[in-house]
N, C-alpha and C. Protein backbone atom coordinates (compact mmCIF):
# COMPACT_ATOMS: atom_id res chain seq x y z
N MET A 1 33.85 232.08 13.80
CA MET A 1 33.11 232.39 12.60
C MET A 1 33.96 233.27 11.68
N ILE A 2 33.96 232.95 10.40
CA ILE A 2 34.75 233.72 9.43
C ILE A 2 33.88 234.83 8.86
N PHE A 3 34.40 236.05 8.93
CA PHE A 3 33.68 237.20 8.41
C PHE A 3 34.05 237.42 6.95
N PRO A 4 33.18 238.03 6.16
CA PRO A 4 33.45 238.22 4.72
C PRO A 4 34.74 238.97 4.42
N GLN A 5 35.11 239.99 5.20
CA GLN A 5 36.34 240.72 4.90
C GLN A 5 37.56 239.85 5.13
N ASN A 6 37.51 238.94 6.10
CA ASN A 6 38.64 238.04 6.35
C ASN A 6 38.80 237.03 5.23
N VAL A 7 37.70 236.60 4.63
CA VAL A 7 37.77 235.64 3.53
C VAL A 7 38.45 236.29 2.33
N SER A 8 38.13 237.54 2.03
CA SER A 8 38.75 238.21 0.89
C SER A 8 40.24 238.44 1.14
N GLN A 9 40.61 238.74 2.38
CA GLN A 9 42.03 238.90 2.71
C GLN A 9 42.76 237.57 2.57
N LEU A 10 42.13 236.51 3.00
CA LEU A 10 42.74 235.18 2.89
C LEU A 10 42.92 234.79 1.43
N GLU A 11 41.92 235.04 0.61
CA GLU A 11 42.02 234.73 -0.82
C GLU A 11 43.15 235.54 -1.47
N ALA A 12 43.27 236.80 -1.12
CA ALA A 12 44.33 237.65 -1.68
C ALA A 12 45.70 237.14 -1.25
N MET A 13 45.82 236.72 0.01
CA MET A 13 47.10 236.22 0.50
C MET A 13 47.46 234.91 -0.19
N LEU A 14 46.51 234.03 -0.41
CA LEU A 14 46.78 232.76 -1.05
C LEU A 14 47.15 232.91 -2.52
N GLN A 15 46.76 234.00 -3.15
CA GLN A 15 47.09 234.23 -4.55
C GLN A 15 48.43 234.94 -4.72
N SER A 16 49.02 235.38 -3.64
CA SER A 16 50.31 236.07 -3.71
C SER A 16 51.42 235.08 -4.03
N PRO A 17 52.24 235.36 -5.05
CA PRO A 17 53.33 234.44 -5.37
C PRO A 17 54.38 234.35 -4.26
N TRP A 18 54.57 235.44 -3.51
CA TRP A 18 55.54 235.41 -2.40
C TRP A 18 55.08 234.49 -1.29
N PHE A 19 53.80 234.53 -0.99
CA PHE A 19 53.26 233.66 0.05
C PHE A 19 53.36 232.20 -0.37
N LEU A 20 53.02 231.92 -1.60
CA LEU A 20 53.09 230.53 -2.08
C LEU A 20 54.54 230.03 -2.12
N ALA A 21 55.46 230.89 -2.53
CA ALA A 21 56.88 230.49 -2.54
C ALA A 21 57.38 230.23 -1.12
N ALA A 22 57.01 231.08 -0.17
CA ALA A 22 57.41 230.88 1.22
C ALA A 22 56.80 229.61 1.79
N LEU A 23 55.57 229.33 1.43
CA LEU A 23 54.89 228.12 1.90
C LEU A 23 55.57 226.86 1.37
N VAL A 24 55.87 226.84 0.08
CA VAL A 24 56.54 225.68 -0.52
C VAL A 24 57.94 225.52 0.07
N TRP A 25 58.69 226.62 0.17
CA TRP A 25 60.04 226.58 0.75
C TRP A 25 60.00 226.00 2.16
N SER A 26 59.10 226.51 2.98
CA SER A 26 59.01 226.06 4.36
C SER A 26 58.67 224.58 4.45
N MET A 27 57.75 224.12 3.62
CA MET A 27 57.35 222.71 3.66
C MET A 27 58.48 221.79 3.21
N VAL A 28 59.20 222.18 2.18
CA VAL A 28 60.29 221.33 1.67
C VAL A 28 61.42 221.24 2.69
N VAL A 29 61.86 222.38 3.21
CA VAL A 29 62.96 222.38 4.17
C VAL A 29 62.56 221.67 5.46
N LYS A 30 61.34 221.89 5.91
CA LYS A 30 60.86 221.22 7.12
C LYS A 30 60.80 219.72 6.91
N GLY A 31 60.35 219.27 5.76
CA GLY A 31 60.29 217.84 5.48
C GLY A 31 61.67 217.20 5.47
N ILE A 32 62.63 217.85 4.85
CA ILE A 32 64.00 217.31 4.81
C ILE A 32 64.59 217.27 6.21
N ALA A 33 64.40 218.34 6.98
CA ALA A 33 64.96 218.39 8.34
C ALA A 33 64.31 217.34 9.24
N LEU A 34 63.00 217.17 9.12
CA LEU A 34 62.32 216.16 9.93
C LEU A 34 62.79 214.76 9.55
N TRP A 35 62.96 214.51 8.28
CA TRP A 35 63.44 213.19 7.84
C TRP A 35 64.84 212.93 8.38
N GLN A 36 65.71 213.94 8.30
CA GLN A 36 67.09 213.78 8.78
C GLN A 36 67.10 213.55 10.29
N ALA A 37 66.29 214.30 11.04
CA ALA A 37 66.24 214.11 12.50
C ALA A 37 65.72 212.73 12.85
N SER A 38 64.76 212.22 12.09
CA SER A 38 64.25 210.88 12.39
C SER A 38 65.28 209.82 12.04
N GLN A 39 66.03 209.99 10.97
CA GLN A 39 67.05 209.02 10.60
C GLN A 39 68.19 208.98 11.62
N LEU A 40 68.50 210.13 12.21
CA LEU A 40 69.55 210.20 13.22
C LEU A 40 69.02 209.92 14.63
N ARG A 41 67.73 209.63 14.73
CA ARG A 41 67.06 209.29 15.99
C ARG A 41 67.23 210.39 17.04
N GLN A 42 67.02 211.62 16.62
CA GLN A 42 67.10 212.76 17.52
C GLN A 42 65.69 213.24 17.83
N LYS A 43 65.11 212.69 18.89
CA LYS A 43 63.71 212.96 19.22
C LYS A 43 63.46 214.42 19.59
N ILE A 44 64.37 215.01 20.33
CA ILE A 44 64.17 216.40 20.76
C ILE A 44 64.20 217.34 19.56
N TRP A 45 65.15 217.15 18.65
CA TRP A 45 65.20 217.97 17.44
C TRP A 45 63.95 217.73 16.59
N PHE A 46 63.51 216.49 16.49
CA PHE A 46 62.32 216.19 15.69
C PHE A 46 61.11 216.95 16.21
N VAL A 47 60.90 216.90 17.52
CA VAL A 47 59.75 217.60 18.11
C VAL A 47 59.89 219.11 17.94
N ALA A 48 61.09 219.64 18.17
CA ALA A 48 61.30 221.08 18.02
C ALA A 48 61.05 221.53 16.58
N LEU A 49 61.56 220.78 15.63
CA LEU A 49 61.35 221.14 14.22
C LEU A 49 59.89 221.00 13.81
N PHE A 50 59.21 220.04 14.40
CA PHE A 50 57.80 219.80 14.07
C PHE A 50 56.90 220.90 14.64
N VAL A 51 57.20 221.36 15.85
CA VAL A 51 56.33 222.30 16.55
C VAL A 51 56.61 223.75 16.16
N VAL A 52 57.88 224.12 16.06
CA VAL A 52 58.25 225.51 15.83
C VAL A 52 58.25 225.80 14.33
N ASN A 53 57.53 226.85 13.94
CA ASN A 53 57.48 227.24 12.53
C ASN A 53 58.27 228.53 12.35
N THR A 54 59.42 228.44 11.69
CA THR A 54 60.28 229.61 11.49
C THR A 54 60.55 229.88 10.02
N PHE A 55 59.71 229.39 9.13
CA PHE A 55 59.87 229.54 7.68
C PHE A 55 61.21 229.01 7.20
N GLY A 56 61.67 227.94 7.81
CA GLY A 56 62.87 227.27 7.33
C GLY A 56 64.16 227.68 8.00
N ILE A 57 64.13 228.68 8.88
CA ILE A 57 65.38 229.15 9.50
C ILE A 57 65.94 228.11 10.45
N LEU A 58 65.13 227.63 11.39
CA LEU A 58 65.59 226.61 12.33
C LEU A 58 65.96 225.33 11.60
N GLU A 59 65.21 224.99 10.58
CA GLU A 59 65.49 223.78 9.80
C GLU A 59 66.84 223.87 9.10
N LEU A 60 67.13 225.03 8.52
CA LEU A 60 68.43 225.22 7.86
C LEU A 60 69.58 225.16 8.85
N ILE A 61 69.40 225.76 10.02
CA ILE A 61 70.45 225.68 11.04
C ILE A 61 70.70 224.22 11.40
N TYR A 62 69.63 223.47 11.59
CA TYR A 62 69.78 222.05 11.93
C TYR A 62 70.50 221.29 10.82
N LEU A 63 70.05 221.47 9.58
CA LEU A 63 70.63 220.72 8.47
C LEU A 63 72.08 221.10 8.20
N LEU A 64 72.41 222.38 8.28
CA LEU A 64 73.75 222.83 7.92
C LEU A 64 74.79 222.62 9.01
N PHE A 65 74.36 222.63 10.26
CA PHE A 65 75.34 222.56 11.34
C PHE A 65 75.22 221.29 12.19
N VAL A 66 74.05 221.02 12.72
CA VAL A 66 73.90 219.91 13.66
C VAL A 66 73.93 218.57 12.94
N ALA A 67 73.04 218.36 12.00
CA ALA A 67 72.95 217.06 11.32
C ALA A 67 74.20 216.78 10.50
N LYS A 68 74.75 217.79 9.86
CA LYS A 68 75.94 217.60 9.03
C LYS A 68 77.11 217.12 9.88
N ALA A 69 77.30 217.71 11.05
CA ALA A 69 78.39 217.31 11.94
C ALA A 69 78.20 215.89 12.43
N ILE A 70 76.98 215.51 12.76
CA ILE A 70 76.71 214.16 13.25
C ILE A 70 76.94 213.14 12.15
N VAL A 71 76.48 213.43 10.95
CA VAL A 71 76.66 212.51 9.83
C VAL A 71 78.14 212.33 9.52
N GLU A 72 78.92 213.41 9.55
CA GLU A 72 80.35 213.32 9.28
C GLU A 72 81.06 212.47 10.33
N VAL A 73 80.71 212.63 11.59
CA VAL A 73 81.33 211.84 12.66
C VAL A 73 80.98 210.37 12.50
N LYS A 74 79.71 210.07 12.22
CA LYS A 74 79.30 208.67 12.04
C LYS A 74 79.98 208.06 10.83
N TRP A 75 80.13 208.83 9.76
CA TRP A 75 80.76 208.31 8.54
C TRP A 75 82.22 207.95 8.82
N VAL A 76 82.92 208.81 9.54
CA VAL A 76 84.32 208.55 9.87
C VAL A 76 84.43 207.33 10.76
N GLN A 77 83.52 207.19 11.73
CA GLN A 77 83.56 206.04 12.63
C GLN A 77 83.27 204.74 11.89
N GLU A 78 82.31 204.76 10.98
CA GLU A 78 81.94 203.54 10.25
C GLU A 78 82.99 203.15 9.22
N GLU A 79 83.51 204.12 8.52
CA GLU A 79 84.46 203.84 7.45
C GLU A 79 85.87 203.61 7.97
N GLY A 80 86.15 204.12 9.14
CA GLY A 80 87.50 203.99 9.68
C GLY A 80 88.52 204.73 8.83
N THR A 81 88.14 205.88 8.32
CA THR A 81 89.03 206.62 7.42
C THR A 81 89.88 207.61 8.20
N ARG A 82 90.69 207.10 9.05
CA ARG A 82 91.64 207.96 9.74
C ARG A 82 92.91 208.00 8.91
N PRO A 83 93.60 209.11 8.94
CA PRO A 83 94.84 209.18 8.16
C PRO A 83 95.85 208.14 8.65
N LYS A 84 96.43 207.44 7.71
CA LYS A 84 97.42 206.41 8.05
C LYS A 84 98.76 207.08 8.31
N PRO A 85 99.51 206.54 9.28
CA PRO A 85 100.84 207.13 9.54
C PRO A 85 101.77 206.87 8.37
N LYS A 86 102.67 207.81 8.16
CA LYS A 86 103.62 207.68 7.05
C LYS A 86 104.63 206.58 7.38
N LYS A 87 105.05 205.87 6.35
CA LYS A 87 106.05 204.81 6.53
C LYS A 87 107.41 205.45 6.73
N GLU A 88 108.17 204.83 7.61
CA GLU A 88 109.51 205.33 7.86
C GLU A 88 110.46 204.85 6.77
N ARG A 89 111.35 205.72 6.34
CA ARG A 89 112.35 205.35 5.33
C ARG A 89 113.58 204.79 6.02
N LYS A 90 114.19 203.81 5.40
CA LYS A 90 115.40 203.20 5.97
C LYS A 90 116.64 203.77 5.34
């Protein structure tokens, strides 16, 4: 049961610009991280990102370090962009 004092506290919190900014930030970063984890077929990361709420901290770690490294490795493998050996001069 919700008591009247809790409702007023909830209304005050929802009107705070800091709370709304943190809420929007968390939702955007979480959405991007979940999409990236699903595209890379990483089920464990997807579940961890979905369940744990860290206001974007875990999501940023995933996006900046884990997913970025995997995407770079896959891109190099698909494109075959290895440095070519230099030609020998005669």
